[in-house]
Each structure stands twice: as structure tokens, then as C-alpha cells.
Amino acid sequence: MYLIVVKFKTLPEWTDRWMDLVADFTAATRSEPGNLWFEWSRSVEDPSEFVLVEAFTDEGAGPHVNSDHFKKATGELGQALASTPKIISRQVEGAGWEEMGEITVE
């Protein structure tokens, strides 16, 4: 699977509207056959920083970046950003979330 983590630093005037701006993109991506998850979080240290954790099947990553909604989003999101997003993108073994070995809840 492809595991991707992206940090987005928003402009002050867009910070409170960021989730509205990405709503259609999020919904469209979550509907893709190869999407495993597409989850947003907000930094507790910097409210203007949003973190996207996403995963795709090996076959799903290519169609995602070539989709119309991806192309539209990459064109629209820049207006709300204070800096270029930072990304980690890796192909990893596995097919989804697994239980953590160091902590067990019974």
C-alpha cells in the first residue's frame, strides 16, 4: 500500500475555513476504489497546520493523482497556503491499520 502524510500550513484568513475548502476533495477521494483512508488532523501546537494521513492500495495511488478532483484541488488549495506542503510518501507492506504490539487493551 502507499502511505502518505502531508502537512499543510494555512494562511491566517484560511485557517478556520480550511476544512470547508477541502470538503469536496476529501469526499471524492474517500469514494475512490483504491482509497484505504483519508484522514485530517489539526496540530495541537500550531492551529494553522493541518496534517493529512492517507493510504491507497498499490493500484489506487496512480488513479488518485490523475483524477479530476486531485487536479482541481492542487489548483485551488494554493490560495489558502502559507508555504508549500511537506510530504512523506512511501510504499509499505501491509493492507491497513494493525494493532500496536507495545500496548494491549483487553
N, C-alpha and C. Protein backbone atom coordinates (compact mmCIF):
# COMPACT_ATOMS: atom_id res chain seq x y z
N MET A 1 0.85 -1.17 0.00
CA MET A 1 0.00 0.00 0.00
C MET A 1 0.89 1.23 0.00
N TYR A 2 0.34 2.34 -0.43
CA TYR A 2 1.03 3.62 -0.37
C TYR A 2 0.53 4.39 0.84
N LEU A 3 1.45 4.80 1.69
CA LEU A 3 1.14 5.57 2.89
C LEU A 3 1.70 6.97 2.69
N ILE A 4 0.85 7.96 2.85
CA ILE A 4 1.21 9.36 2.57
C ILE A 4 0.80 10.23 3.74
N VAL A 5 1.72 11.09 4.16
CA VAL A 5 1.44 12.07 5.21
C VAL A 5 1.84 13.43 4.66
N VAL A 6 0.90 14.38 4.72
CA VAL A 6 1.16 15.72 4.18
C VAL A 6 0.82 16.76 5.25
N LYS A 7 1.73 17.73 5.43
CA LYS A 7 1.48 18.85 6.34
C LYS A 7 1.17 20.10 5.51
N PHE A 8 0.06 20.74 5.84
CA PHE A 8 -0.38 21.96 5.17
C PHE A 8 -0.37 23.11 6.17
N LYS A 9 0.34 24.18 5.87
CA LYS A 9 0.38 25.38 6.71
C LYS A 9 -0.51 26.43 6.03
N THR A 10 -1.60 26.80 6.71
CA THR A 10 -2.57 27.71 6.11
C THR A 10 -2.29 29.17 6.45
N LEU A 11 -2.76 30.04 5.57
CA LEU A 11 -2.75 31.47 5.85
C LEU A 11 -3.77 31.76 6.94
N PRO A 12 -3.54 32.77 7.77
CA PRO A 12 -4.46 33.06 8.88
C PRO A 12 -5.92 33.21 8.44
N GLU A 13 -6.14 33.86 7.32
CA GLU A 13 -7.52 34.08 6.87
C GLU A 13 -8.19 32.82 6.34
N TRP A 14 -7.44 31.75 6.15
CA TRP A 14 -8.00 30.49 5.65
C TRP A 14 -8.03 29.39 6.71
N THR A 15 -7.37 29.58 7.82
CA THR A 15 -7.26 28.52 8.82
C THR A 15 -8.61 27.99 9.26
N ASP A 16 -9.54 28.86 9.62
CA ASP A 16 -10.85 28.40 10.08
C ASP A 16 -11.74 27.89 8.96
N ARG A 17 -11.35 28.13 7.71
CA ARG A 17 -12.15 27.69 6.56
C ARG A 17 -11.51 26.51 5.82
N TRP A 18 -10.37 26.05 6.30
CA TRP A 18 -9.63 25.00 5.59
C TRP A 18 -10.46 23.74 5.35
N MET A 19 -11.12 23.25 6.39
CA MET A 19 -11.89 22.01 6.24
C MET A 19 -13.05 22.18 5.26
N ASP A 20 -13.62 23.37 5.18
CA ASP A 20 -14.65 23.62 4.17
C ASP A 20 -14.04 23.60 2.77
N LEU A 21 -12.85 24.17 2.65
CA LEU A 21 -12.17 24.22 1.35
C LEU A 21 -11.85 22.81 0.83
N VAL A 22 -11.46 21.90 1.72
CA VAL A 22 -11.07 20.56 1.29
C VAL A 22 -12.20 19.54 1.35
N ALA A 23 -13.40 19.95 1.70
CA ALA A 23 -14.52 19.01 1.89
C ALA A 23 -14.84 18.20 0.64
N ASP A 24 -14.99 18.84 -0.50
CA ASP A 24 -15.33 18.11 -1.73
C ASP A 24 -14.20 17.17 -2.14
N PHE A 25 -12.97 17.65 -2.03
CA PHE A 25 -11.79 16.84 -2.37
C PHE A 25 -11.73 15.61 -1.46
N THR A 26 -11.99 15.82 -0.18
CA THR A 26 -11.96 14.72 0.79
C THR A 26 -13.03 13.69 0.45
N ALA A 27 -14.24 14.13 0.21
CA ALA A 27 -15.33 13.20 -0.10
C ALA A 27 -15.06 12.42 -1.39
N ALA A 28 -14.57 13.11 -2.41
CA ALA A 28 -14.28 12.45 -3.69
C ALA A 28 -13.17 11.42 -3.53
N THR A 29 -12.14 11.77 -2.78
CA THR A 29 -11.02 10.84 -2.58
C THR A 29 -11.46 9.62 -1.78
N ARG A 30 -12.24 9.84 -0.75
CA ARG A 30 -12.72 8.71 0.06
C ARG A 30 -13.60 7.76 -0.76
N SER A 31 -14.18 8.24 -1.84
CA SER A 31 -15.03 7.41 -2.70
C SER A 31 -14.24 6.62 -3.74
N GLU A 32 -12.97 6.89 -3.87
CA GLU A 32 -12.15 6.17 -4.85
C GLU A 32 -12.02 4.69 -4.46
N PRO A 33 -12.10 3.79 -5.44
CA PRO A 33 -11.99 2.37 -5.13
C PRO A 33 -10.68 1.99 -4.43
N GLY A 34 -9.58 2.65 -4.73
CA GLY A 34 -8.29 2.29 -4.15
C GLY A 34 -7.94 3.03 -2.87
N ASN A 35 -8.83 3.87 -2.38
CA ASN A 35 -8.54 4.61 -1.15
C ASN A 35 -8.80 3.74 0.07
N LEU A 36 -7.83 3.68 0.97
CA LEU A 36 -7.98 2.93 2.22
C LEU A 36 -8.40 3.86 3.35
N TRP A 37 -7.82 5.05 3.42
CA TRP A 37 -8.27 6.10 4.33
C TRP A 37 -7.71 7.43 3.89
N PHE A 38 -8.36 8.48 4.36
CA PHE A 38 -8.03 9.86 4.01
C PHE A 38 -8.49 10.69 5.20
N GLU A 39 -7.59 10.92 6.16
CA GLU A 39 -7.96 11.48 7.45
C GLU A 39 -7.20 12.76 7.76
N TRP A 40 -7.95 13.78 8.17
CA TRP A 40 -7.38 15.07 8.52
C TRP A 40 -7.23 15.19 10.03
N SER A 41 -6.15 15.85 10.45
CA SER A 41 -5.93 16.22 11.85
C SER A 41 -5.40 17.64 11.87
N ARG A 42 -5.53 18.26 13.03
CA ARG A 42 -5.04 19.62 13.20
C ARG A 42 -3.99 19.61 14.31
N SER A 43 -2.89 20.29 14.09
CA SER A 43 -1.82 20.33 15.08
C SER A 43 -2.30 20.97 16.38
N VAL A 44 -1.93 20.36 17.50
CA VAL A 44 -2.26 20.95 18.79
C VAL A 44 -1.26 22.06 19.16
N GLU A 45 -0.13 22.11 18.47
CA GLU A 45 0.88 23.13 18.72
C GLU A 45 0.73 24.35 17.80
N ASP A 46 0.20 24.12 16.61
CA ASP A 46 0.06 25.20 15.62
C ASP A 46 -1.30 25.04 14.94
N PRO A 47 -2.31 25.79 15.37
CA PRO A 47 -3.66 25.64 14.81
C PRO A 47 -3.76 25.89 13.30
N SER A 48 -2.74 26.51 12.71
CA SER A 48 -2.79 26.77 11.27
C SER A 48 -2.16 25.62 10.47
N GLU A 49 -1.75 24.56 11.14
CA GLU A 49 -1.16 23.41 10.46
C GLU A 49 -2.12 22.22 10.49
N PHE A 50 -2.41 21.70 9.31
CA PHE A 50 -3.28 20.54 9.17
C PHE A 50 -2.45 19.39 8.62
N VAL A 51 -2.71 18.19 9.13
CA VAL A 51 -1.98 17.01 8.71
C VAL A 51 -2.96 16.03 8.07
N LEU A 52 -2.63 15.58 6.89
CA LEU A 52 -3.43 14.61 6.16
C LEU A 52 -2.69 13.28 6.16
N VAL A 53 -3.34 12.23 6.64
CA VAL A 53 -2.79 10.88 6.59
C VAL A 53 -3.69 10.10 5.64
N GLU A 54 -3.09 9.59 4.60
CA GLU A 54 -3.87 8.89 3.58
C GLU A 54 -3.16 7.61 3.16
N ALA A 55 -3.94 6.66 2.68
CA ALA A 55 -3.38 5.41 2.19
C ALA A 55 -4.20 4.92 1.01
N PHE A 56 -3.49 4.27 0.10
CA PHE A 56 -4.10 3.74 -1.11
C PHE A 56 -3.56 2.34 -1.37
N THR A 57 -4.36 1.52 -2.01
CA THR A 57 -3.86 0.25 -2.48
C THR A 57 -2.76 0.54 -3.50
N ASP A 58 -1.94 -0.46 -3.78
CA ASP A 58 -0.88 -0.27 -4.78
C ASP A 58 -1.44 0.19 -6.11
N GLU A 59 -2.63 -0.30 -6.44
CA GLU A 59 -3.25 0.05 -7.71
C GLU A 59 -4.01 1.38 -7.64
N GLY A 60 -4.29 1.86 -6.44
CA GLY A 60 -5.13 3.04 -6.29
C GLY A 60 -4.40 4.37 -6.29
N ALA A 61 -3.10 4.36 -6.04
CA ALA A 61 -2.36 5.61 -5.93
C ALA A 61 -2.30 6.36 -7.26
N GLY A 62 -2.02 5.65 -8.33
CA GLY A 62 -1.93 6.29 -9.65
C GLY A 62 -3.23 6.94 -10.09
N PRO A 63 -4.34 6.23 -10.04
CA PRO A 63 -5.61 6.86 -10.40
C PRO A 63 -5.95 8.07 -9.53
N HIS A 64 -5.54 8.04 -8.27
CA HIS A 64 -5.82 9.18 -7.39
C HIS A 64 -5.16 10.45 -7.90
N VAL A 65 -3.85 10.40 -8.16
CA VAL A 65 -3.15 11.62 -8.58
C VAL A 65 -3.51 12.04 -10.00
N ASN A 66 -4.15 11.16 -10.74
CA ASN A 66 -4.59 11.50 -12.10
C ASN A 66 -6.07 11.85 -12.17
N SER A 67 -6.75 11.84 -11.02
CA SER A 67 -8.19 12.12 -11.01
C SER A 67 -8.48 13.60 -11.21
N ASP A 68 -9.66 13.89 -11.68
CA ASP A 68 -10.07 15.28 -11.88
C ASP A 68 -10.13 16.04 -10.55
N HIS A 69 -10.61 15.38 -9.50
CA HIS A 69 -10.71 16.08 -8.21
C HIS A 69 -9.34 16.37 -7.61
N PHE A 70 -8.35 15.52 -7.87
CA PHE A 70 -6.99 15.79 -7.40
C PHE A 70 -6.42 17.00 -8.14
N LYS A 71 -6.57 17.02 -9.44
CA LYS A 71 -6.07 18.14 -10.25
C LYS A 71 -6.76 19.44 -9.85
N LYS A 72 -8.05 19.39 -9.60
CA LYS A 72 -8.79 20.59 -9.18
C LYS A 72 -8.28 21.07 -7.82
N ALA A 73 -8.11 20.15 -6.89
CA ALA A 73 -7.66 20.51 -5.54
C ALA A 73 -6.26 21.11 -5.56
N THR A 74 -5.35 20.53 -6.33
CA THR A 74 -3.99 21.08 -6.35
C THR A 74 -3.97 22.48 -6.95
N GLY A 75 -4.94 22.79 -7.77
CA GLY A 75 -5.05 24.14 -8.31
C GLY A 75 -5.69 25.13 -7.36
N GLU A 76 -6.60 24.66 -6.51
CA GLU A 76 -7.35 25.54 -5.61
C GLU A 76 -6.70 25.74 -4.24
N LEU A 77 -6.04 24.74 -3.72
CA LEU A 77 -5.55 24.81 -2.34
C LEU A 77 -4.45 25.84 -2.12
N GLY A 78 -3.70 26.13 -3.15
CA GLY A 78 -2.58 27.06 -3.03
C GLY A 78 -2.98 28.44 -2.52
N GLN A 79 -4.17 28.89 -2.84
CA GLN A 79 -4.62 30.21 -2.39
C GLN A 79 -4.70 30.32 -0.87
N ALA A 80 -4.84 29.18 -0.19
CA ALA A 80 -5.03 29.16 1.26
C ALA A 80 -3.77 28.81 2.03
N LEU A 81 -2.67 28.58 1.33
CA LEU A 81 -1.45 28.09 1.99
C LEU A 81 -0.40 29.17 2.21
N ALA A 82 0.26 29.07 3.36
CA ALA A 82 1.34 29.99 3.70
C ALA A 82 2.68 29.49 3.16
N SER A 83 2.77 28.20 2.88
CA SER A 83 4.01 27.61 2.36
C SER A 83 3.68 26.34 1.59
N THR A 84 4.65 25.85 0.86
CA THR A 84 4.49 24.61 0.10
C THR A 84 4.30 23.45 1.08
N PRO A 85 3.31 22.60 0.87
CA PRO A 85 3.10 21.46 1.77
C PRO A 85 4.33 20.55 1.83
N LYS A 86 4.50 19.91 2.97
CA LYS A 86 5.58 18.93 3.18
C LYS A 86 4.96 17.54 3.13
N ILE A 87 5.64 16.60 2.46
CA ILE A 87 5.06 15.28 2.24
C ILE A 87 6.05 14.16 2.52
N ILE A 88 5.51 13.07 3.04
CA ILE A 88 6.21 11.79 3.11
C ILE A 88 5.31 10.82 2.37
N SER A 89 5.85 10.15 1.36
CA SER A 89 5.08 9.19 0.56
C SER A 89 5.93 7.95 0.35
N ARG A 90 5.43 6.82 0.86
CA ARG A 90 6.20 5.58 0.77
C ARG A 90 5.28 4.40 0.45
N GLN A 91 5.82 3.47 -0.30
CA GLN A 91 5.13 2.21 -0.49
C GLN A 91 5.57 1.31 0.66
N VAL A 92 4.61 0.76 1.39
CA VAL A 92 4.91 -0.05 2.56
C VAL A 92 4.16 -1.37 2.49
N GLU A 93 4.64 -2.35 3.24
CA GLU A 93 3.94 -3.63 3.31
C GLU A 93 2.70 -3.46 4.18
N GLY A 94 1.71 -4.28 3.93
CA GLY A 94 0.50 -4.24 4.72
C GLY A 94 -0.68 -3.78 3.90
N ALA A 95 -1.87 -3.89 4.52
CA ALA A 95 -3.10 -3.52 3.82
C ALA A 95 -3.98 -2.63 4.67
N GLY A 96 -3.47 -2.19 5.82
CA GLY A 96 -4.29 -1.35 6.68
C GLY A 96 -3.70 -1.24 8.07
N TRP A 97 -4.51 -0.67 8.96
CA TRP A 97 -4.08 -0.49 10.34
C TRP A 97 -3.95 -1.84 11.04
N GLU A 98 -2.94 -1.97 11.86
CA GLU A 98 -2.74 -3.16 12.68
C GLU A 98 -2.67 -2.74 14.14
N GLU A 99 -2.92 -3.68 15.05
CA GLU A 99 -2.84 -3.37 16.46
C GLU A 99 -1.39 -3.13 16.86
N MET A 100 -1.20 -2.19 17.78
CA MET A 100 0.11 -1.85 18.29
C MET A 100 0.57 -2.93 19.26
N GLY A 101 1.78 -3.42 19.08
CA GLY A 101 2.29 -4.50 19.92
C GLY A 101 2.69 -4.08 21.31
N GLU A 102 3.07 -2.82 21.48
CA GLU A 102 3.59 -2.35 22.76
C GLU A 102 2.50 -2.02 23.79
N ILE A 103 1.28 -1.85 23.34
CA ILE A 103 0.16 -1.56 24.24
C ILE A 103 -0.98 -2.50 23.89
N THR A 104 -1.46 -3.24 24.87
CA THR A 104 -2.57 -4.15 24.65
C THR A 104 -3.70 -3.79 25.60
N VAL A 105 -4.87 -3.61 25.06
CA VAL A 105 -6.05 -3.32 25.86
C VAL A 105 -6.95 -4.55 25.80
N GLU A 106 -7.28 -5.07 26.96
CA GLU A 106 -8.11 -6.29 27.00
C GLU A 106 -9.47 -5.99 27.56
